[in-house]
Amino acid sequence: MQQVCAHGHEQRGPLDYFDDGQCRHCDRRNQARYRTRRSAAMELARALEAHGVEVMRAEPPVDLQRLAEALAGSYKATA
């Protein structure tokens, strides 16, 4: 009796899903995506701080939405 999760991963037995029913394969993929995004965010934060923009513990706090809009706008203009 093989079942398939919502994303198409075969569920052959109890080792393929957690007690709450979440697919282990989906969880592994989601965790890898999370680690990649977190790593990219830290790389961006370090690059900004290298250019004098205190992101982590700025006083007063940096308006991250405004910074993101400025970065995205200038990136689109050069891309």
N, C-alpha and C. Protein backbone atom coordinates (compact mmCIF):
# COMPACT_ATOMS: atom_id res chain seq x y z
N MET A 1 0.84 -1.19 0.00
CA MET A 1 0.00 0.00 0.00
C MET A 1 0.88 1.24 0.00
N GLN A 2 1.18 1.76 -1.16
CA GLN A 2 1.96 2.98 -1.25
C GLN A 2 1.05 4.17 -1.40
N GLN A 3 1.35 5.20 -0.62
CA GLN A 3 0.62 6.45 -0.72
C GLN A 3 1.57 7.51 -1.26
N VAL A 4 1.02 8.62 -1.65
CA VAL A 4 1.80 9.72 -2.19
C VAL A 4 1.41 11.00 -1.46
N CYS A 5 2.40 11.83 -1.10
CA CYS A 5 2.09 13.10 -0.45
C CYS A 5 1.55 14.09 -1.49
N ALA A 6 1.17 15.26 -1.05
CA ALA A 6 0.60 16.28 -1.94
C ALA A 6 1.59 16.73 -3.01
N HIS A 7 2.90 16.53 -2.77
CA HIS A 7 3.91 16.94 -3.74
C HIS A 7 4.47 15.77 -4.54
N GLY A 8 3.86 14.60 -4.42
CA GLY A 8 4.23 13.47 -5.25
C GLY A 8 5.29 12.53 -4.68
N HIS A 9 5.69 12.73 -3.43
CA HIS A 9 6.68 11.83 -2.84
C HIS A 9 6.01 10.55 -2.36
N GLU A 10 6.60 9.43 -2.68
CA GLU A 10 6.04 8.15 -2.24
C GLU A 10 6.18 8.02 -0.73
N GLN A 11 5.12 7.55 -0.09
CA GLN A 11 5.09 7.31 1.34
C GLN A 11 4.98 5.80 1.53
N ARG A 12 6.13 5.13 1.65
CA ARG A 12 6.16 3.67 1.70
C ARG A 12 5.96 3.11 3.10
N GLY A 13 6.21 3.93 4.11
CA GLY A 13 6.08 3.43 5.47
C GLY A 13 6.24 4.54 6.48
N PRO A 14 6.30 4.19 7.76
CA PRO A 14 6.34 5.20 8.82
C PRO A 14 7.62 6.04 8.83
N LEU A 15 8.67 5.61 8.17
CA LEU A 15 9.89 6.41 8.13
C LEU A 15 9.82 7.54 7.11
N ASP A 16 8.79 7.54 6.28
CA ASP A 16 8.67 8.58 5.25
C ASP A 16 7.82 9.76 5.69
N TYR A 17 7.29 9.74 6.89
CA TYR A 17 6.50 10.88 7.38
C TYR A 17 6.65 11.00 8.89
N PHE A 18 6.41 12.22 9.38
CA PHE A 18 6.48 12.49 10.81
C PHE A 18 5.17 12.10 11.48
N ASP A 19 5.16 12.12 12.80
CA ASP A 19 3.95 11.75 13.56
C ASP A 19 2.77 12.65 13.21
N ASP A 20 3.05 13.91 12.86
CA ASP A 20 1.95 14.83 12.52
C ASP A 20 1.48 14.68 11.08
N GLY A 21 2.08 13.74 10.33
CA GLY A 21 1.66 13.47 8.96
C GLY A 21 2.46 14.20 7.90
N GLN A 22 3.39 15.06 8.30
CA GLN A 22 4.19 15.80 7.33
C GLN A 22 5.20 14.87 6.66
N CYS A 23 5.32 15.02 5.36
CA CYS A 23 6.24 14.21 4.56
C CYS A 23 7.69 14.58 4.89
N ARG A 24 8.51 13.61 5.17
CA ARG A 24 9.93 13.86 5.48
C ARG A 24 10.67 14.41 4.27
N HIS A 25 10.30 13.97 3.08
CA HIS A 25 10.96 14.45 1.87
C HIS A 25 10.65 15.93 1.63
N CYS A 26 9.40 16.32 1.85
CA CYS A 26 9.01 17.72 1.70
C CYS A 26 9.72 18.56 2.76
N ASP A 27 9.78 18.05 3.98
CA ASP A 27 10.43 18.78 5.06
C ASP A 27 11.91 18.98 4.74
N ARG A 28 12.57 17.97 4.24
CA ARG A 28 13.99 18.08 3.88
C ARG A 28 14.19 19.13 2.80
N ARG A 29 13.31 19.14 1.80
CA ARG A 29 13.39 20.14 0.73
C ARG A 29 13.14 21.55 1.27
N ASN A 30 12.14 21.69 2.13
CA ASN A 30 11.83 23.00 2.72
C ASN A 30 12.97 23.51 3.59
N GLN A 31 13.58 22.62 4.36
CA GLN A 31 14.71 23.02 5.21
C GLN A 31 15.91 23.45 4.37
N ALA A 32 16.17 22.77 3.27
CA ALA A 32 17.27 23.15 2.39
C ALA A 32 17.01 24.53 1.79
N ARG A 33 15.78 24.78 1.37
CA ARG A 33 15.41 26.09 0.81
C ARG A 33 15.57 27.17 1.88
N TYR A 34 15.15 26.88 3.12
CA TYR A 34 15.27 27.83 4.22
C TYR A 34 16.74 28.16 4.48
N ARG A 35 17.59 27.13 4.52
CA ARG A 35 19.02 27.37 4.78
C ARG A 35 19.65 28.21 3.67
N THR A 36 19.25 27.96 2.42
CA THR A 36 19.77 28.73 1.29
C THR A 36 19.37 30.19 1.40
N ARG A 37 18.10 30.44 1.71
CA ARG A 37 17.62 31.82 1.84
C ARG A 37 18.27 32.52 3.02
N ARG A 38 18.43 31.81 4.12
CA ARG A 38 19.06 32.41 5.30
C ARG A 38 20.52 32.76 5.00
N SER A 39 21.21 31.89 4.32
CA SER A 39 22.60 32.14 3.95
C SER A 39 22.70 33.36 3.03
N ALA A 40 21.81 33.47 2.06
CA ALA A 40 21.80 34.62 1.15
C ALA A 40 21.50 35.91 1.91
N ALA A 41 20.60 35.86 2.87
CA ALA A 41 20.27 37.05 3.67
C ALA A 41 21.47 37.49 4.48
N MET A 42 22.19 36.55 5.07
CA MET A 42 23.37 36.91 5.85
C MET A 42 24.46 37.47 4.95
N GLU A 43 24.62 36.92 3.77
CA GLU A 43 25.62 37.43 2.82
C GLU A 43 25.28 38.86 2.43
N LEU A 44 24.00 39.14 2.19
CA LEU A 44 23.56 40.48 1.85
C LEU A 44 23.79 41.44 3.02
N ALA A 45 23.45 41.01 4.23
CA ALA A 45 23.65 41.86 5.40
C ALA A 45 25.12 42.18 5.61
N ARG A 46 25.98 41.21 5.43
CA ARG A 46 27.43 41.44 5.58
C ARG A 46 27.94 42.39 4.50
N ALA A 47 27.46 42.25 3.28
CA ALA A 47 27.88 43.14 2.20
C ALA A 47 27.43 44.57 2.47
N LEU A 48 26.19 44.73 2.96
CA LEU A 48 25.70 46.07 3.30
C LEU A 48 26.54 46.69 4.41
N GLU A 49 26.85 45.90 5.42
CA GLU A 49 27.65 46.43 6.53
C GLU A 49 29.06 46.76 6.07
N ALA A 50 29.60 46.02 5.11
CA ALA A 50 30.92 46.33 4.56
C ALA A 50 30.90 47.68 3.83
N HIS A 51 29.72 48.09 3.37
CA HIS A 51 29.57 49.38 2.70
C HIS A 51 29.05 50.46 3.63
N GLY A 52 29.07 50.19 4.95
CA GLY A 52 28.71 51.21 5.93
C GLY A 52 27.25 51.26 6.32
N VAL A 53 26.43 50.33 5.87
CA VAL A 53 25.01 50.30 6.25
C VAL A 53 24.86 49.29 7.37
N GLU A 54 24.65 49.79 8.59
CA GLU A 54 24.48 48.90 9.74
C GLU A 54 23.08 48.29 9.70
N VAL A 55 23.00 47.02 9.45
CA VAL A 55 21.72 46.33 9.30
C VAL A 55 21.34 45.59 10.58
N MET A 56 22.29 44.93 11.19
CA MET A 56 21.99 44.03 12.30
C MET A 56 21.52 44.75 13.56
N ARG A 57 22.32 45.66 14.06
CA ARG A 57 21.98 46.30 15.33
C ARG A 57 22.11 47.82 15.21
N ALA A 58 21.42 48.37 14.25
CA ALA A 58 21.51 49.80 14.01
C ALA A 58 20.63 50.56 15.00
N GLU A 59 21.10 51.70 15.41
CA GLU A 59 20.32 52.59 16.28
C GLU A 59 20.32 53.95 15.63
N PRO A 60 19.26 54.51 15.16
CA PRO A 60 17.93 53.92 15.13
C PRO A 60 17.87 52.78 14.11
N PRO A 61 16.89 51.89 14.24
CA PRO A 61 16.80 50.73 13.35
C PRO A 61 16.66 51.14 11.88
N VAL A 62 17.24 50.35 11.01
CA VAL A 62 17.15 50.59 9.57
C VAL A 62 15.74 50.21 9.11
N ASP A 63 15.16 51.05 8.26
CA ASP A 63 13.87 50.73 7.66
C ASP A 63 14.14 49.73 6.53
N LEU A 64 14.01 48.44 6.85
CA LEU A 64 14.38 47.39 5.90
C LEU A 64 13.50 47.39 4.66
N GLN A 65 12.24 47.76 4.81
CA GLN A 65 11.35 47.82 3.62
C GLN A 65 11.84 48.88 2.65
N ARG A 66 12.19 50.06 3.17
CA ARG A 66 12.67 51.13 2.31
C ARG A 66 14.00 50.76 1.66
N LEU A 67 14.87 50.12 2.44
CA LEU A 67 16.15 49.67 1.91
C LEU A 67 15.95 48.63 0.80
N ALA A 68 15.02 47.70 1.02
CA ALA A 68 14.73 46.68 0.02
C ALA A 68 14.19 47.30 -1.26
N GLU A 69 13.29 48.28 -1.12
CA GLU A 69 12.75 48.96 -2.31
C GLU A 69 13.85 49.68 -3.09
N ALA A 70 14.77 50.34 -2.37
CA ALA A 70 15.86 51.05 -3.02
C ALA A 70 16.79 50.07 -3.73
N LEU A 71 17.11 48.98 -3.06
CA LEU A 71 17.98 47.97 -3.67
C LEU A 71 17.32 47.35 -4.90
N ALA A 72 16.06 47.00 -4.77
CA ALA A 72 15.36 46.37 -5.88
C ALA A 72 15.24 47.33 -7.06
N GLY A 73 14.96 48.60 -6.77
CA GLY A 73 14.84 49.59 -7.84
C GLY A 73 16.16 49.80 -8.57
N SER A 74 17.25 49.88 -7.83
CA SER A 74 18.54 50.10 -8.49
C SER A 74 19.01 48.83 -9.18
N TYR A 75 18.65 47.67 -8.65
CA TYR A 75 19.05 46.41 -9.28
C TYR A 75 18.32 46.22 -10.61
N LYS A 76 17.02 46.55 -10.63
CA LYS A 76 16.25 46.42 -11.87
C LYS A 76 16.78 47.37 -12.94
N ALA A 77 17.24 48.54 -12.51
CA ALA A 77 17.74 49.53 -13.48
C ALA A 77 19.02 49.07 -14.14
N THR A 78 19.82 48.26 -13.42
CA THR A 78 21.10 47.82 -13.98
C THR A 78 21.00 46.45 -14.62
N ALA A 79 19.94 45.70 -14.34
CA ALA A 79 19.83 44.33 -14.86
C ALA A 79 19.36 44.31 -16.29
